[in-house]
Amino acid sequence: MTQATLDRFKLPPAAMHFLVPLFLSCAMSCIVSLISTLRSLGFGDFELVGWLLSWMLSWAIAFPCVLIILPIARKHALKLVKQ
């Protein structure tokens, strides 16, 4: 595929407000739920399907939370940084 063809499928810049929290919440909930599941069950009793179901529930909670918390965190962080 050429670059022009790929550019046709790109989203507008305004989509960044949802894509960054989407990727962030996906990665963070994946890591946290995996660590939590492994710590509670151990490697011997770990089941992929059970963890995936747990991760989906975690992500369903994490994504809206990140959408709400990220602008607040950004506002507080800007108070600590020179402009």
C-alpha atoms as a PDB file:
ATOM      1  CA  MET A   1       0.000   0.000   0.000  1.00  0.00           C
ATOM      2  CA  THR A   2       1.180   3.487  -0.725  1.00  0.00           C
ATOM      3  CA  GLN A   3       1.310   6.269   1.844  1.00  0.00           C
ATOM      4  CA  ALA A   4      -1.613   8.029   0.130  1.00  0.00           C
ATOM      5  CA  THR A   5      -3.731   4.894   0.516  1.00  0.00           C
ATOM      6  CA  LEU A   6      -2.831   4.579   4.195  1.00  0.00           C
ATOM      7  CA  ASP A   7      -3.556   8.266   4.846  1.00  0.00           C
ATOM      8  CA  ARG A   8      -7.080   7.776   3.553  1.00  0.00           C
ATOM      9  CA  PHE A   9      -7.848   5.444   6.480  1.00  0.00           C
ATOM     10  CA  LYS A  10      -6.444   7.710   9.191  1.00  0.00           C
ATOM     11  CA  LEU A  11      -8.691   9.388  11.708  1.00  0.00           C
ATOM     12  CA  PRO A  12      -8.893  13.161  12.185  1.00  0.00           C
ATOM     13  CA  PRO A  13      -6.646  14.744  14.847  1.00  0.00           C
ATOM     14  CA  ALA A  14      -9.615  15.158  17.200  1.00  0.00           C
ATOM     15  CA  ALA A  15      -9.676  11.370  17.601  1.00  0.00           C
ATOM     16  CA  MET A  16      -6.489  11.630  19.696  1.00  0.00           C
ATOM     17  CA  HIS A  17      -8.658  12.642  22.677  1.00  0.00           C
ATOM     18  CA  PHE A  18     -10.142   9.133  22.654  1.00  0.00           C
ATOM     19  CA  LEU A  19      -7.337   7.059  21.158  1.00  0.00           C
ATOM     20  CA  VAL A  20      -4.699   7.902  23.767  1.00  0.00           C
ATOM     21  CA  PRO A  21      -6.972   6.971  26.711  1.00  0.00           C
ATOM     22  CA  LEU A  22      -8.099   3.874  24.798  1.00  0.00           C
ATOM     23  CA  PHE A  23      -4.541   2.596  24.324  1.00  0.00           C
ATOM     24  CA  LEU A  24      -3.456   3.683  27.803  1.00  0.00           C
ATOM     25  CA  SER A  25      -6.361   2.008  29.592  1.00  0.00           C
ATOM     26  CA  CYS A  26      -5.994  -1.121  27.477  1.00  0.00           C
ATOM     27  CA  ALA A  27      -2.300  -1.531  28.276  1.00  0.00           C
ATOM     28  CA  MET A  28      -2.567  -0.615  31.954  1.00  0.00           C
ATOM     29  CA  SER A  29      -5.576  -2.827  32.689  1.00  0.00           C
ATOM     30  CA  CYS A  30      -3.895  -5.701  30.837  1.00  0.00           C
ATOM     31  CA  ILE A  31      -0.723  -5.447  32.903  1.00  0.00           C
ATOM     32  CA  VAL A  32      -2.449  -4.900  36.246  1.00  0.00           C
ATOM     33  CA  SER A  33      -5.019  -7.667  35.774  1.00  0.00           C
ATOM     34  CA  LEU A  34      -2.328 -10.126  34.630  1.00  0.00           C
ATOM     35  CA  ILE A  35      -0.121  -9.399  37.645  1.00  0.00           C
ATOM     36  CA  SER A  36      -3.092  -9.531  40.007  1.00  0.00           C
ATOM     37  CA  THR A  37      -4.334 -12.820  38.549  1.00  0.00           C
ATOM     38  CA  LEU A  38      -0.894 -14.421  38.660  1.00  0.00           C
ATOM     39  CA  ARG A  39      -0.330 -13.298  42.252  1.00  0.00           C
ATOM     40  CA  SER A  40      -3.669 -14.636  43.443  1.00  0.00           C
ATOM     41  CA  LEU A  41      -3.714 -17.916  41.482  1.00  0.00           C
ATOM     42  CA  GLY A  42      -0.061 -18.603  40.772  1.00  0.00           C
ATOM     43  CA  PHE A  43       1.325 -19.958  37.513  1.00  0.00           C
ATOM     44  CA  GLY A  44      -0.036 -23.462  38.128  1.00  0.00           C
ATOM     45  CA  ASP A  45      -3.718 -22.494  38.321  1.00  0.00           C
ATOM     46  CA  PHE A  46      -3.554 -19.687  35.732  1.00  0.00           C
ATOM     47  CA  GLU A  47      -6.105 -19.975  32.928  1.00  0.00           C
ATOM     48  CA  LEU A  48      -5.929 -17.717  29.893  1.00  0.00           C
ATOM     49  CA  VAL A  49      -9.700 -17.557  29.374  1.00  0.00           C
ATOM     50  CA  GLY A  50     -10.339 -16.606  32.994  1.00  0.00           C
ATOM     51  CA  TRP A  51      -7.720 -13.885  32.836  1.00  0.00           C
ATOM     52  CA  LEU A  52      -9.099 -12.512  29.540  1.00  0.00           C
ATOM     53  CA  LEU A  53     -12.579 -12.251  31.049  1.00  0.00           C
ATOM     54  CA  SER A  54     -11.115 -10.479  34.067  1.00  0.00           C
ATOM     55  CA  TRP A  55      -9.132  -8.149  31.808  1.00  0.00           C
ATOM     56  CA  MET A  56     -12.199  -7.230  29.743  1.00  0.00           C
ATOM     57  CA  LEU A  57     -14.075  -6.286  32.905  1.00  0.00           C
ATOM     58  CA  SER A  58     -11.074  -4.294  34.140  1.00  0.00           C
ATOM     59  CA  TRP A  59     -10.779  -2.478  30.836  1.00  0.00           C
ATOM     60  CA  ALA A  60     -14.505  -1.675  30.777  1.00  0.00           C
ATOM     61  CA  ILE A  61     -13.976   0.145  34.073  1.00  0.00           C
ATOM     62  CA  ALA A  62     -10.544   1.604  33.272  1.00  0.00           C
ATOM     63  CA  PHE A  63     -11.423   3.300  29.967  1.00  0.00           C
ATOM     64  CA  PRO A  64     -14.160   5.615  31.299  1.00  0.00           C
ATOM     65  CA  CYS A  65     -12.008   6.308  34.366  1.00  0.00           C
ATOM     66  CA  VAL A  66      -9.084   7.394  32.203  1.00  0.00           C
ATOM     67  CA  LEU A  67     -11.402   9.601  30.115  1.00  0.00           C
ATOM     68  CA  ILE A  68     -12.468  11.367  33.307  1.00  0.00           C
ATOM     69  CA  ILE A  69      -9.159  11.418  35.210  1.00  0.00           C
ATOM     70  CA  LEU A  70      -6.715  12.270  32.384  1.00  0.00           C
ATOM     71  CA  PRO A  71      -7.855  15.908  31.912  1.00  0.00           C
ATOM     72  CA  ILE A  72      -7.796  16.442  35.682  1.00  0.00           C
ATOM     73  CA  ALA A  73      -4.315  14.941  35.961  1.00  0.00           C
ATOM     74  CA  ARG A  74      -3.121  17.060  33.024  1.00  0.00           C
ATOM     75  CA  LYS A  75      -4.492  20.201  34.707  1.00  0.00           C
ATOM     76  CA  HIS A  76      -2.662  19.422  37.963  1.00  0.00           C
ATOM     77  CA  ALA A  77       0.548  18.500  36.146  1.00  0.00           C
ATOM     78  CA  LEU A  78       0.528  21.820  34.292  1.00  0.00           C
ATOM     79  CA  LYS A  79       0.580  23.595  37.656  1.00  0.00           C
ATOM     80  CA  LEU A  80       3.921  21.911  38.399  1.00  0.00           C
ATOM     81  CA  VAL A  81       5.581  22.746  35.066  1.00  0.00           C
ATOM     82  CA  LYS A  82       6.953  26.105  33.960  1.00  0.00           C
ATOM     83  CA  GLN A  83       5.097  27.604  31.034  1.00  0.00           C
END
